[in-house]
Full PDB file with SEQRES, HELIX, SHEET, SSBOND, CRYST1, ORIGX, SCALE, CONECT and MASTER records, all heavy atoms in Angstrom:
SEQRES   1 A   39  THR PRO GLN THR PHE GLN ALA LEU LYS LEU LYS ASN LEU          
SEQRES   2 A   39  TYR GLN SER LEU SER GLU GLU GLU LYS ASN ILE LEU THR          
SEQRES   3 A   39  ASP ALA ALA LYS ILE PHE VAL MET LYS GLY GLU LYS VAL          
HELIX    1 AA1 ALA A    7  GLN A   15  1                                   9    
HELIX    2 AA2 GLU A   19  ASN A   23  1                                   5    
HELIX    3 AA3 ALA A   29  MET A   34  1                                   6    
CRYST1    1.000    1.000    1.000  90.00  90.00  90.00 P 1           1          
ORIGX1      1.000000  0.000000  0.000000        0.00000                         
ORIGX2      0.000000  1.000000  0.000000        0.00000                         
ORIGX3      0.000000  0.000000  1.000000        0.00000                         
SCALE1      1.000000  0.000000  0.000000        0.00000                         
SCALE2      0.000000  1.000000  0.000000        0.00000                         
SCALE3      0.000000  0.000000  1.000000        0.00000                         
ATOM      1  N   THR A   1       4.828  12.229  -8.135  1.00  0.00           N  
ATOM      2  CA  THR A   1       3.494  11.697  -8.403  1.00  0.00           C  
ATOM      3  C   THR A   1       3.149  12.114  -9.824  1.00  0.00           C  
ATOM      4  O   THR A   1       3.791  13.033 -10.355  1.00  0.00           O  
ATOM      5  CB  THR A   1       2.409  12.230  -7.425  1.00  0.00           C  
ATOM      6  OG1 THR A   1       2.283  13.640  -7.543  1.00  0.00           O  
ATOM      7  CG2 THR A   1       2.735  11.854  -5.985  1.00  0.00           C  
ATOM      8  N   PRO A   2       2.209  11.426 -10.462  1.00  0.00           N  
ATOM      9  CA  PRO A   2       1.182  10.536  -9.938  1.00  0.00           C  
ATOM     10  C   PRO A   2       1.711   9.169  -9.486  1.00  0.00           C  
ATOM     11  O   PRO A   2       2.755   8.720  -9.931  1.00  0.00           O  
ATOM     12  CB  PRO A   2       0.232  10.352 -11.132  1.00  0.00           C  
ATOM     13  CG  PRO A   2       0.532  11.458 -12.077  1.00  0.00           C  
ATOM     14  CD  PRO A   2       1.969  11.736 -11.893  1.00  0.00           C  
ATOM     15  N   GLN A   3       0.918   8.567  -8.594  1.00  0.00           N  
ATOM     16  CA  GLN A   3       1.014   7.158  -8.265  1.00  0.00           C  
ATOM     17  C   GLN A   3      -0.339   6.562  -8.623  1.00  0.00           C  
ATOM     18  O   GLN A   3      -1.376   7.112  -8.254  1.00  0.00           O  
ATOM     19  CB  GLN A   3       1.309   6.947  -6.781  1.00  0.00           C  
ATOM     20  CG  GLN A   3       2.667   7.464  -6.354  1.00  0.00           C  
ATOM     21  CD  GLN A   3       2.932   7.184  -4.881  1.00  0.00           C  
ATOM     22  OE1 GLN A   3       2.015   7.165  -4.055  1.00  0.00           O  
ATOM     23  NE2 GLN A   3       4.192   6.961  -4.554  1.00  0.00           N  
ATOM     24  N   THR A   4      -0.319   5.455  -9.335  1.00  0.00           N  
ATOM     25  CA  THR A   4      -1.566   4.942  -9.907  1.00  0.00           C  
ATOM     26  C   THR A   4      -1.749   3.472  -9.545  1.00  0.00           C  
ATOM     27  O   THR A   4      -0.794   2.695  -9.576  1.00  0.00           O  
ATOM     28  CB  THR A   4      -1.558   5.152 -11.437  1.00  0.00           C  
ATOM     29  OG1 THR A   4      -1.393   6.549 -11.689  1.00  0.00           O  
ATOM     30  CG2 THR A   4      -2.840   4.678 -12.069  1.00  0.00           C  
ATOM     31  N   PHE A   5      -3.000   3.114  -9.202  1.00  0.00           N  
ATOM     32  CA  PHE A   5      -3.253   1.781  -8.654  1.00  0.00           C  
ATOM     33  C   PHE A   5      -4.589   1.224  -9.127  1.00  0.00           C  
ATOM     34  O   PHE A   5      -5.529   1.976  -9.408  1.00  0.00           O  
ATOM     35  CB  PHE A   5      -3.305   1.844  -7.120  1.00  0.00           C  
ATOM     36  CG  PHE A   5      -2.179   2.605  -6.489  1.00  0.00           C  
ATOM     37  CD1 PHE A   5      -2.350   3.924  -6.092  1.00  0.00           C  
ATOM     38  CD2 PHE A   5      -0.943   2.008  -6.314  1.00  0.00           C  
ATOM     39  CE1 PHE A   5      -1.308   4.633  -5.511  1.00  0.00           C  
ATOM     40  CE2 PHE A   5       0.109   2.702  -5.741  1.00  0.00           C  
ATOM     41  CZ  PHE A   5      -0.076   4.030  -5.337  1.00  0.00           C  
ATOM     42  N   GLN A   6      -4.655  -0.104  -9.153  1.00  0.00           N  
ATOM     43  CA  GLN A   6      -5.950  -0.760  -9.202  1.00  0.00           C  
ATOM     44  C   GLN A   6      -6.577  -0.540  -7.826  1.00  0.00           C  
ATOM     45  O   GLN A   6      -6.048  -0.990  -6.810  1.00  0.00           O  
ATOM     46  CB  GLN A   6      -5.791  -2.246  -9.502  1.00  0.00           C  
ATOM     47  CG  GLN A   6      -5.329  -2.545 -10.920  1.00  0.00           C  
ATOM     48  CD  GLN A   6      -5.130  -4.016 -11.197  1.00  0.00           C  
ATOM     49  OE1 GLN A   6      -5.164  -4.838 -10.280  1.00  0.00           O  
ATOM     50  NE2 GLN A   6      -4.904  -4.363 -12.458  1.00  0.00           N  
ATOM     51  N   ALA A   7      -7.683   0.169  -7.786  1.00  0.00           N  
ATOM     52  CA  ALA A   7      -8.228   0.659  -6.522  1.00  0.00           C  
ATOM     53  C   ALA A   7      -8.636  -0.451  -5.560  1.00  0.00           C  
ATOM     54  O   ALA A   7      -8.394  -0.369  -4.348  1.00  0.00           O  
ATOM     55  CB  ALA A   7      -9.417   1.579  -6.796  1.00  0.00           C  
ATOM     56  N   LEU A   8      -9.254  -1.499  -6.087  1.00  0.00           N  
ATOM     57  CA  LEU A   8      -9.699  -2.591  -5.221  1.00  0.00           C  
ATOM     58  C   LEU A   8      -8.508  -3.291  -4.578  1.00  0.00           C  
ATOM     59  O   LEU A   8      -8.539  -3.628  -3.382  1.00  0.00           O  
ATOM     60  CB  LEU A   8     -10.532  -3.586  -6.033  1.00  0.00           C  
ATOM     61  CG  LEU A   8     -11.118  -4.774  -5.258  1.00  0.00           C  
ATOM     62  CD1 LEU A   8     -12.013  -4.287  -4.131  1.00  0.00           C  
ATOM     63  CD2 LEU A   8     -11.900  -5.690  -6.210  1.00  0.00           C  
ATOM     64  N   LYS A   9      -7.448  -3.487  -5.342  1.00  0.00           N  
ATOM     65  CA  LYS A   9      -6.250  -4.129  -4.805  1.00  0.00           C  
ATOM     66  C   LYS A   9      -5.605  -3.253  -3.730  1.00  0.00           C  
ATOM     67  O   LYS A   9      -5.188  -3.753  -2.676  1.00  0.00           O  
ATOM     68  CB  LYS A   9      -5.248  -4.396  -5.927  1.00  0.00           C  
ATOM     69  CG  LYS A   9      -4.085  -5.288  -5.532  1.00  0.00           C  
ATOM     70  CD  LYS A   9      -3.293  -5.689  -6.766  1.00  0.00           C  
ATOM     71  CE  LYS A   9      -2.265  -6.756  -6.409  1.00  0.00           C  
ATOM     72  NZ  LYS A   9      -1.521  -7.213  -7.608  1.00  0.00           N  
ATOM     73  N   LEU A  10      -5.539  -1.948  -3.987  1.00  0.00           N  
ATOM     74  CA  LEU A  10      -4.979  -1.031  -2.985  1.00  0.00           C  
ATOM     75  C   LEU A  10      -5.805  -1.072  -1.709  1.00  0.00           C  
ATOM     76  O   LEU A  10      -5.252  -1.131  -0.601  1.00  0.00           O  
ATOM     77  CB  LEU A  10      -4.940   0.391  -3.544  1.00  0.00           C  
ATOM     78  CG  LEU A  10      -4.508   1.480  -2.560  1.00  0.00           C  
ATOM     79  CD1 LEU A  10      -3.110   1.213  -2.014  1.00  0.00           C  
ATOM     80  CD2 LEU A  10      -4.569   2.855  -3.219  1.00  0.00           C  
ATOM     81  N   LYS A  11      -7.106  -1.038  -1.834  1.00  0.00           N  
ATOM     82  CA  LYS A  11      -7.978  -1.085  -0.659  1.00  0.00           C  
ATOM     83  C   LYS A  11      -7.726  -2.352   0.157  1.00  0.00           C  
ATOM     84  O   LYS A  11      -7.566  -2.307   1.386  1.00  0.00           O  
ATOM     85  CB  LYS A  11      -9.441  -1.019  -1.081  1.00  0.00           C  
ATOM     86  CG  LYS A  11     -10.426  -1.163   0.072  1.00  0.00           C  
ATOM     87  CD  LYS A  11     -11.855  -1.296  -0.421  1.00  0.00           C  
ATOM     88  CE  LYS A  11     -12.797  -1.592   0.743  1.00  0.00           C  
ATOM     89  NZ  LYS A  11     -14.191  -1.803   0.296  1.00  0.00           N  
ATOM     90  N   ASN A  12      -7.680  -3.497  -0.513  1.00  0.00           N  
ATOM     91  CA  ASN A  12      -7.491  -4.770   0.194  1.00  0.00           C  
ATOM     92  C   ASN A  12      -6.122  -4.840   0.865  1.00  0.00           C  
ATOM     93  O   ASN A  12      -6.000  -5.321   2.003  1.00  0.00           O  
ATOM     94  CB  ASN A  12      -7.667  -5.937  -0.776  1.00  0.00           C  
ATOM     95  CG  ASN A  12      -9.107  -6.093  -1.240  1.00  0.00           C  
ATOM     96  OD1 ASN A  12     -10.036  -5.640  -0.564  1.00  0.00           O  
ATOM     97  ND2 ASN A  12      -9.306  -6.728  -2.375  1.00  0.00           N  
ATOM     98  N   LEU A  13      -5.083  -4.366   0.166  1.00  0.00           N  
ATOM     99  CA  LEU A  13      -3.744  -4.369   0.755  1.00  0.00           C  
ATOM    100  C   LEU A  13      -3.676  -3.446   1.964  1.00  0.00           C  
ATOM    101  O   LEU A  13      -3.083  -3.795   2.996  1.00  0.00           O  
ATOM    102  CB  LEU A  13      -2.699  -3.947  -0.286  1.00  0.00           C  
ATOM    103  CG  LEU A  13      -2.395  -4.942  -1.401  1.00  0.00           C  
ATOM    104  CD1 LEU A  13      -1.441  -4.324  -2.419  1.00  0.00           C  
ATOM    105  CD2 LEU A  13      -1.808  -6.239  -0.844  1.00  0.00           C  
ATOM    106  N   TYR A  14      -4.288  -2.272   1.848  1.00  0.00           N  
ATOM    107  CA  TYR A  14      -4.259  -1.314   2.962  1.00  0.00           C  
ATOM    108  C   TYR A  14      -4.977  -1.888   4.183  1.00  0.00           C  
ATOM    109  O   TYR A  14      -4.489  -1.769   5.317  1.00  0.00           O  
ATOM    110  CB  TYR A  14      -4.904   0.001   2.539  1.00  0.00           C  
ATOM    111  CG  TYR A  14      -4.833   1.073   3.605  1.00  0.00           C  
ATOM    112  CD1 TYR A  14      -3.628   1.727   3.878  1.00  0.00           C  
ATOM    113  CD2 TYR A  14      -5.955   1.432   4.340  1.00  0.00           C  
ATOM    114  CE1 TYR A  14      -3.544   2.711   4.860  1.00  0.00           C  
ATOM    115  CE2 TYR A  14      -5.886   2.415   5.321  1.00  0.00           C  
ATOM    116  CZ  TYR A  14      -4.688   3.052   5.570  1.00  0.00           C  
ATOM    117  OH  TYR A  14      -4.614   4.028   6.556  1.00  0.00           O  
ATOM    118  N   GLN A  15      -6.102  -2.530   3.956  1.00  0.00           N  
ATOM    119  CA  GLN A  15      -6.860  -3.087   5.080  1.00  0.00           C  
ATOM    120  C   GLN A  15      -6.141  -4.266   5.727  1.00  0.00           C  
ATOM    121  O   GLN A  15      -6.439  -4.609   6.880  1.00  0.00           O  
ATOM    122  CB  GLN A  15      -8.254  -3.498   4.610  1.00  0.00           C  
ATOM    123  CG  GLN A  15      -9.143  -2.313   4.265  1.00  0.00           C  
ATOM    124  CD  GLN A  15     -10.519  -2.709   3.773  1.00  0.00           C  
ATOM    125  OE1 GLN A  15     -10.746  -3.850   3.358  1.00  0.00           O  
ATOM    126  NE2 GLN A  15     -11.460  -1.777   3.810  1.00  0.00           N  
ATOM    127  N   SER A  16      -5.190  -4.869   5.022  1.00  0.00           N  
ATOM    128  CA  SER A  16      -4.436  -5.993   5.582  1.00  0.00           C  
ATOM    129  C   SER A  16      -3.266  -5.539   6.453  1.00  0.00           C  
ATOM    130  O   SER A  16      -2.647  -6.363   7.143  1.00  0.00           O  
ATOM    131  CB  SER A  16      -3.905  -6.886   4.450  1.00  0.00           C  
ATOM    132  OG  SER A  16      -2.803  -6.280   3.782  1.00  0.00           O  
ATOM    133  N   LEU A  17      -2.959  -4.244   6.438  1.00  0.00           N  
ATOM    134  CA  LEU A  17      -1.827  -3.736   7.208  1.00  0.00           C  
ATOM    135  C   LEU A  17      -2.151  -3.651   8.695  1.00  0.00           C  
ATOM    136  O   LEU A  17      -3.291  -3.363   9.088  1.00  0.00           O  
ATOM    137  CB  LEU A  17      -1.436  -2.334   6.721  1.00  0.00           C  
ATOM    138  CG  LEU A  17      -0.921  -2.183   5.283  1.00  0.00           C  
ATOM    139  CD1 LEU A  17      -0.737  -0.707   4.957  1.00  0.00           C  
ATOM    140  CD2 LEU A  17       0.376  -2.940   5.090  1.00  0.00           C  
ATOM    141  N   SER A  18      -1.137  -3.848   9.515  1.00  0.00           N  
ATOM    142  CA  SER A  18      -1.285  -3.603  10.946  1.00  0.00           C  
ATOM    143  C   SER A  18      -1.183  -2.096  11.198  1.00  0.00           C  
ATOM    144  O   SER A  18      -0.728  -1.340  10.338  1.00  0.00           O  
ATOM    145  CB  SER A  18      -0.184  -4.332  11.722  1.00  0.00           C  
ATOM    146  OG  SER A  18       1.095  -3.768  11.420  1.00  0.00           O  
ATOM    147  N   GLU A  19      -1.580  -1.655  12.382  1.00  0.00           N  
ATOM    148  CA  GLU A  19      -1.464  -0.234  12.718  1.00  0.00           C  
ATOM    149  C   GLU A  19      -0.001   0.196  12.713  1.00  0.00           C  
ATOM    150  O   GLU A  19       0.319   1.315  12.314  1.00  0.00           O  
ATOM    151  CB  GLU A  19      -2.093   0.038  14.091  1.00  0.00           C  
ATOM    152  CG  GLU A  19      -3.600  -0.008  14.099  1.00  0.00           C  
ATOM    153  CD  GLU A  19      -4.224   0.957  13.088  1.00  0.00           C  
ATOM    154  OE1 GLU A  19      -3.801   2.121  13.041  1.00  0.00           O  
ATOM    155  OE2 GLU A  19      -5.130   0.529  12.348  1.00  0.00           O  
ATOM    156  N   GLU A  20       0.881  -0.697  13.131  1.00  0.00           N  
ATOM    157  CA  GLU A  20       2.312  -0.391  13.124  1.00  0.00           C  
ATOM    158  C   GLU A  20       2.807  -0.175  11.696  1.00  0.00           C  
ATOM    159  O   GLU A  20       3.581   0.753  11.429  1.00  0.00           O  
ATOM    160  CB  GLU A  20       3.096  -1.529  13.788  1.00  0.00           C  
ATOM    161  CG  GLU A  20       4.597  -1.269  13.895  1.00  0.00           C  
ATOM    162  CD  GLU A  20       5.339  -2.396  14.569  1.00  0.00           C  
ATOM    163  OE1 GLU A  20       4.699  -3.378  14.999  1.00  0.00           O  
ATOM    164  OE2 GLU A  20       6.580  -2.301  14.667  1.00  0.00           O  
ATOM    165  N   GLU A  21       2.351  -1.010  10.775  1.00  0.00           N  
ATOM    166  CA  GLU A  21       2.739  -0.852   9.373  1.00  0.00           C  
ATOM    167  C   GLU A  21       2.183   0.436   8.788  1.00  0.00           C  
ATOM    168  O   GLU A  21       2.859   1.150   8.029  1.00  0.00           O  
ATOM    169  CB  GLU A  21       2.259  -2.061   8.563  1.00  0.00           C  
ATOM    170  CG  GLU A  21       3.045  -3.331   8.823  1.00  0.00           C  
ATOM    171  CD  GLU A  21       2.457  -4.529   8.119  1.00  0.00           C  
ATOM    172  OE1 GLU A  21       1.208  -4.654   8.066  1.00  0.00           O  
ATOM    173  OE2 GLU A  21       3.237  -5.360   7.616  1.00  0.00           O  
ATOM    174  N   LYS A  22       0.951   0.774   9.132  1.00  0.00           N  
ATOM    175  CA  LYS A  22       0.350   2.007   8.634  1.00  0.00           C  
ATOM    176  C   LYS A  22       1.122   3.233   9.105  1.00  0.00           C  
ATOM    177  O   LYS A  22       1.233   4.229   8.384  1.00  0.00           O  
ATOM    178  CB  LYS A  22      -1.110   2.112   9.082  1.00  0.00           C  
ATOM    179  CG  LYS A  22      -2.038   1.131   8.391  1.00  0.00           C  
ATOM    180  CD  LYS A  22      -3.466   1.265   8.901  1.00  0.00           C  
ATOM    181  CE  LYS A  22      -4.390   0.261   8.223  1.00  0.00           C  
ATOM    182  NZ  LYS A  22      -5.782   0.350   8.725  1.00  0.00           N  
ATOM    183  N   ASN A  23       1.670   3.153  10.310  1.00  0.00           N  
ATOM    184  CA  ASN A  23       2.367   4.306  10.883  1.00  0.00           C  
ATOM    185  C   ASN A  23       3.697   4.614  10.211  1.00  0.00           C  
ATOM    186  O   ASN A  23       4.225   5.718  10.364  1.00  0.00           O  
ATOM    187  CB  ASN A  23       2.593   4.095  12.383  1.00  0.00           C  
ATOM    188  CG  ASN A  23       1.312   4.192  13.188  1.00  0.00           C  
ATOM    189  OD1 ASN A  23       0.350   4.825  12.759  1.00  0.00           O  
ATOM    190  ND2 ASN A  23       1.285   3.550  14.349  1.00  0.00           N  
ATOM    191  N   ILE A  24       4.260   3.652   9.467  1.00  0.00           N  
ATOM    192  CA  ILE A  24       5.546   3.910   8.814  1.00  0.00           C  
ATOM    193  C   ILE A  24       5.381   4.231   7.323  1.00  0.00           C  
ATOM    194  O   ILE A  24       6.360   4.418   6.625  1.00  0.00           O  
ATOM    195  CB  ILE A  24       6.519   2.715   8.980  1.00  0.00           C  
ATOM    196  CG1 ILE A  24       5.974   1.462   8.272  1.00  0.00           C  
ATOM    197  CG2 ILE A  24       6.799   2.442  10.451  1.00  0.00           C  
ATOM    198  CD1 ILE A  24       6.971   0.318   8.216  1.00  0.00           C  
ATOM    199  N   LEU A  25       4.140   4.315   6.878  1.00  0.00           N  
ATOM    200  CA  LEU A  25       3.903   4.603   5.465  1.00  0.00           C  
ATOM    201  C   LEU A  25       4.214   6.060   5.142  1.00  0.00           C  
ATOM    202  O   LEU A  25       3.907   6.961   5.914  1.00  0.00           O  
ATOM    203  CB  LEU A  25       2.443   4.325   5.107  1.00  0.00           C  
ATOM    204  CG  LEU A  25       1.999   2.869   5.088  1.00  0.00           C  
ATOM    205  CD1 LEU A  25       0.499   2.786   4.822  1.00  0.00           C  
ATOM    206  CD2 LEU A  25       2.753   2.086   4.033  1.00  0.00           C  
ATOM    207  N   THR A  26       4.818   6.281   3.978  1.00  0.00           N  
ATOM    208  CA  THR A  26       5.022   7.633   3.477  1.00  0.00           C  
ATOM    209  C   THR A  26       4.154   7.905   2.255  1.00  0.00           C  
ATOM    210  O   THR A  26       3.826   9.055   1.964  1.00  0.00           O  
ATOM    211  CB  THR A  26       6.501   7.863   3.100  1.00  0.00           C  
ATOM    212  OG1 THR A  26       6.927   6.799   2.228  1.00  0.00           O  
ATOM    213  CG2 THR A  26       7.375   7.886   4.337  1.00  0.00           C  
ATOM    214  N   ASP A  27       3.797   6.859   1.551  1.00  0.00           N  
ATOM    215  CA  ASP A  27       2.895   7.011   0.410  1.00  0.00           C  
ATOM    216  C   ASP A  27       2.247   5.664   0.098  1.00  0.00           C  
ATOM    217  O   ASP A  27       2.555   4.646   0.715  1.00  0.00           O  
ATOM    218  CB  ASP A  27       3.620   7.591  -0.816  1.00  0.00           C  
ATOM    219  CG  ASP A  27       4.749   6.700  -1.311  1.00  0.00           C  
ATOM    220  OD1 ASP A  27       4.648   5.468  -1.179  1.00  0.00           O  
ATOM    221  OD2 ASP A  27       5.735   7.239  -1.834  1.00  0.00           O  
ATOM    222  N   ALA A  28       1.332   5.675  -0.860  1.00  0.00           N  
ATOM    223  CA  ALA A  28       0.566   4.464  -1.153  1.00  0.00           C  
ATOM    224  C   ALA A  28       1.389   3.408  -1.882  1.00  0.00           C  
ATOM    225  O   ALA A  28       1.143   2.208  -1.724  1.00  0.00           O  
ATOM    226  CB  ALA A  28      -0.673   4.828  -1.971  1.00  0.00           C  
ATOM    227  N   ALA A  29       2.357   3.821  -2.685  1.00  0.00           N  
ATOM    228  CA  ALA A  29       3.170   2.838  -3.407  1.00  0.00           C  
ATOM    229  C   ALA A  29       3.903   1.906  -2.439  1.00  0.00           C  
ATOM    230  O   ALA A  29       4.127   0.732  -2.742  1.00  0.00           O  
ATOM    231  CB  ALA A  29       4.165   3.541  -4.322  1.00  0.00           C  
ATOM    232  N   LYS A  30       4.250   2.437  -1.276  1.00  0.00           N  
ATOM    233  CA  LYS A  30       4.976   1.625  -0.291  1.00  0.00           C  
ATOM    234  C   LYS A  30       4.122   0.458   0.194  1.00  0.00           C  
ATOM    235  O   LYS A  30       4.662  -0.586   0.587  1.00  0.00           O  
ATOM    236  CB  LYS A  30       5.431   2.490   0.884  1.00  0.00           C  
ATOM    237  CG  LYS A  30       6.377   1.779   1.832  1.00  0.00           C  
ATOM    238  CD  LYS A  30       7.035   2.740   2.804  1.00  0.00           C  
ATOM    239  CE  LYS A  30       8.047   2.018   3.688  1.00  0.00           C  
ATOM    240  NZ  LYS A  30       8.790   2.951   4.570  1.00  0.00           N  
ATOM    241  N   ILE A  31       2.812   0.618   0.171  1.00  0.00           N  
ATOM    242  CA  ILE A  31       1.925  -0.473   0.579  1.00  0.00           C  
ATOM    243  C   ILE A  31       2.159  -1.683  -0.315  1.00  0.00           C  
ATOM    244  O   ILE A  31       2.293  -2.811   0.155  1.00  0.00           O  
ATOM    245  CB  ILE A  31       0.455  -0.026   0.507  1.00  0.00           C  
ATOM    246  CG1 ILE A  31       0.205   1.148   1.457  1.00  0.00           C  
ATOM    247  CG2 ILE A  31      -0.480  -1.195   0.833  1.00  0.00           C  
ATOM    248  CD1 ILE A  31      -1.150   1.803   1.271  1.00  0.00           C  
ATOM    249  N   PHE A  32       2.229  -1.448  -1.624  1.00  0.00           N  
ATOM    250  CA  PHE A  32       2.462  -2.535  -2.574  1.00  0.00           C  
ATOM    251  C   PHE A  32       3.843  -3.156  -2.362  1.00  0.00           C  
ATOM    252  O   PHE A  32       3.994  -4.381  -2.383  1.00  0.00           O  
ATOM    253  CB  PHE A  32       2.324  -2.008  -4.000  1.00  0.00           C  
ATOM    254  CG  PHE A  32       0.906  -1.908  -4.481  1.00  0.00           C  
ATOM    255  CD1 PHE A  32       0.073  -0.914  -4.007  1.00  0.00           C  
ATOM    256  CD2 PHE A  32       0.406  -2.818  -5.400  1.00  0.00           C  
ATOM    257  CE1 PHE A  32      -1.239  -0.813  -4.448  1.00  0.00           C  
ATOM    258  CE2 PHE A  32      -0.907  -2.731  -5.850  1.00  0.00           C  
ATOM    259  CZ  PHE A  32      -1.733  -1.724  -5.365  1.00  0.00           C  
ATOM    260  N   VAL A  33       4.850  -2.313  -2.162  1.00  0.00           N  
ATOM    261  CA  VAL A  33       6.213  -2.812  -1.982  1.00  0.00           C  
ATOM    262  C   VAL A  33       6.304  -3.649  -0.708  1.00  0.00           C  
ATOM    263  O   VAL A  33       6.918  -4.725  -0.698  1.00  0.00           O  
ATOM    264  CB  VAL A  33       7.210  -1.635  -1.943  1.00  0.00           C  
ATOM    265  CG1 VAL A  33       8.621  -2.137  -1.610  1.00  0.00           C  
ATOM    266  CG2 VAL A  33       7.224  -0.906  -3.285  1.00  0.00           C  
ATOM    267  N   MET A  34       5.687  -3.175   0.374  1.00  0.00           N  
ATOM    268  CA  MET A  34       5.715  -3.903   1.650  1.00  0.00           C  
ATOM    269  C   MET A  34       5.079  -5.286   1.521  1.00  0.00           C  
ATOM    270  O   MET A  34       5.482  -6.240   2.197  1.00  0.00           O  
ATOM    271  CB  MET A  34       4.990  -3.100   2.733  1.00  0.00           C  
ATOM    272  CG  MET A  34       5.742  -1.871   3.218  1.00  0.00           C  
ATOM    273  SD  MET A  34       4.707  -0.783   4.242  1.00  0.00           S  
ATOM    274  CE  MET A  34       4.337  -1.849   5.634  1.00  0.00           C  
ATOM    275  N   LYS A  35       4.102  -5.396   0.651  1.00  0.00           N  
ATOM    276  CA  LYS A  35       3.378  -6.659   0.489  1.00  0.00           C  
ATOM    277  C   LYS A  35       3.924  -7.501  -0.661  1.00  0.00           C  
ATOM    278  O   LYS A  35       3.321  -8.497  -1.057  1.00  0.00           O  
ATOM    279  CB  LYS A  35       1.891  -6.376   0.270  1.00  0.00           C  
ATOM    280  CG  LYS A  35       1.202  -5.765   1.494  1.00  0.00           C  
ATOM    281  CD  LYS A  35       1.277  -6.697   2.695  1.00  0.00           C  
ATOM    282  CE  LYS A  35       0.577  -6.125   3.904  1.00  0.00           C  
ATOM    283  NZ  LYS A  35       0.608  -7.061   5.064  1.00  0.00           N  
ATOM    284  N   GLY A  36       5.097  -7.089  -1.183  1.00  0.00           N  
ATOM    285  CA  GLY A  36       5.746  -7.886  -2.209  1.00  0.00           C  
ATOM    286  C   GLY A  36       5.121  -7.783  -3.583  1.00  0.00           C  
ATOM    287  O   GLY A  36       5.350  -8.642  -4.448  1.00  0.00           O  
ATOM    288  N   GLU A  37       4.345  -6.735  -3.829  1.00  0.00           N  
ATOM    289  CA  GLU A  37       3.704  -6.533  -5.122  1.00  0.00           C  
ATOM    290  C   GLU A  37       4.590  -5.663  -6.014  1.00  0.00           C  
ATOM    291  O   GLU A  37       5.318  -4.790  -5.537  1.00  0.00           O  
ATOM    292  CB  GLU A  37       2.339  -5.850  -4.946  1.00  0.00           C  
ATOM    293  CG  GLU A  37       1.341  -6.648  -4.113  1.00  0.00           C  
ATOM    294  CD  GLU A  37       0.764  -7.817  -4.877  1.00  0.00           C  
ATOM    295  OE1 GLU A  37       0.892  -7.852  -6.124  1.00  0.00           O  
ATOM    296  OE2 GLU A  37       0.155  -8.702  -4.227  1.00  0.00           O  
ATOM    297  N   LYS A  38       4.501  -5.853  -7.319  1.00  0.00           N  
ATOM    298  CA  LYS A  38       5.313  -5.097  -8.257  1.00  0.00           C  
ATOM    299  C   LYS A  38       4.746  -3.689  -8.451  1.00  0.00           C  
ATOM    300  O   LYS A  38       3.534  -3.504  -8.540  1.00  0.00           O  
ATOM    301  CB  LYS A  38       5.373  -5.805  -9.615  1.00  0.00           C  
ATOM    302  CG  LYS A  38       6.134  -7.121  -9.582  1.00  0.00           C  
ATOM    303  CD  LYS A  38       6.145  -7.778 -10.959  1.00  0.00           C  
ATOM    304  CE  LYS A  38       6.914  -9.093 -10.921  1.00  0.00           C  
ATOM    305  NZ  LYS A  38       6.906  -9.779 -12.243  1.00  0.00           N  
ATOM    306  N   VAL A  39       5.644  -2.716  -8.492  1.00  0.00           N  
ATOM    307  CA  VAL A  39       5.276  -1.328  -8.787  1.00  0.00           C  
ATOM    308  C   VAL A  39       6.149  -0.865  -9.951  1.00  0.00           C  
ATOM    309  O   VAL A  39       7.370  -0.782  -9.820  1.00  0.00           O  
ATOM    310  CB  VAL A  39       5.486  -0.403  -7.567  1.00  0.00           C  
ATOM    311  CG1 VAL A  39       5.092   1.038  -7.925  1.00  0.00           C  
ATOM    312  CG2 VAL A  39       4.676  -0.890  -6.363  1.00  0.00           C  
TER     313      VAL A  39                                                      
MASTER        0    0    0    3    0    0    0    6  312    1    0    3          
END                                                                             
């Protein structure tokens, strides 16, 4: 770390995840990768 994000985009992506997807997260960058966003 650090891991750095546009906060609004991170919030929206996180809220779009299913509970199953949230349970396999290890960090916030993975949210972007799972949703096909560039990191």
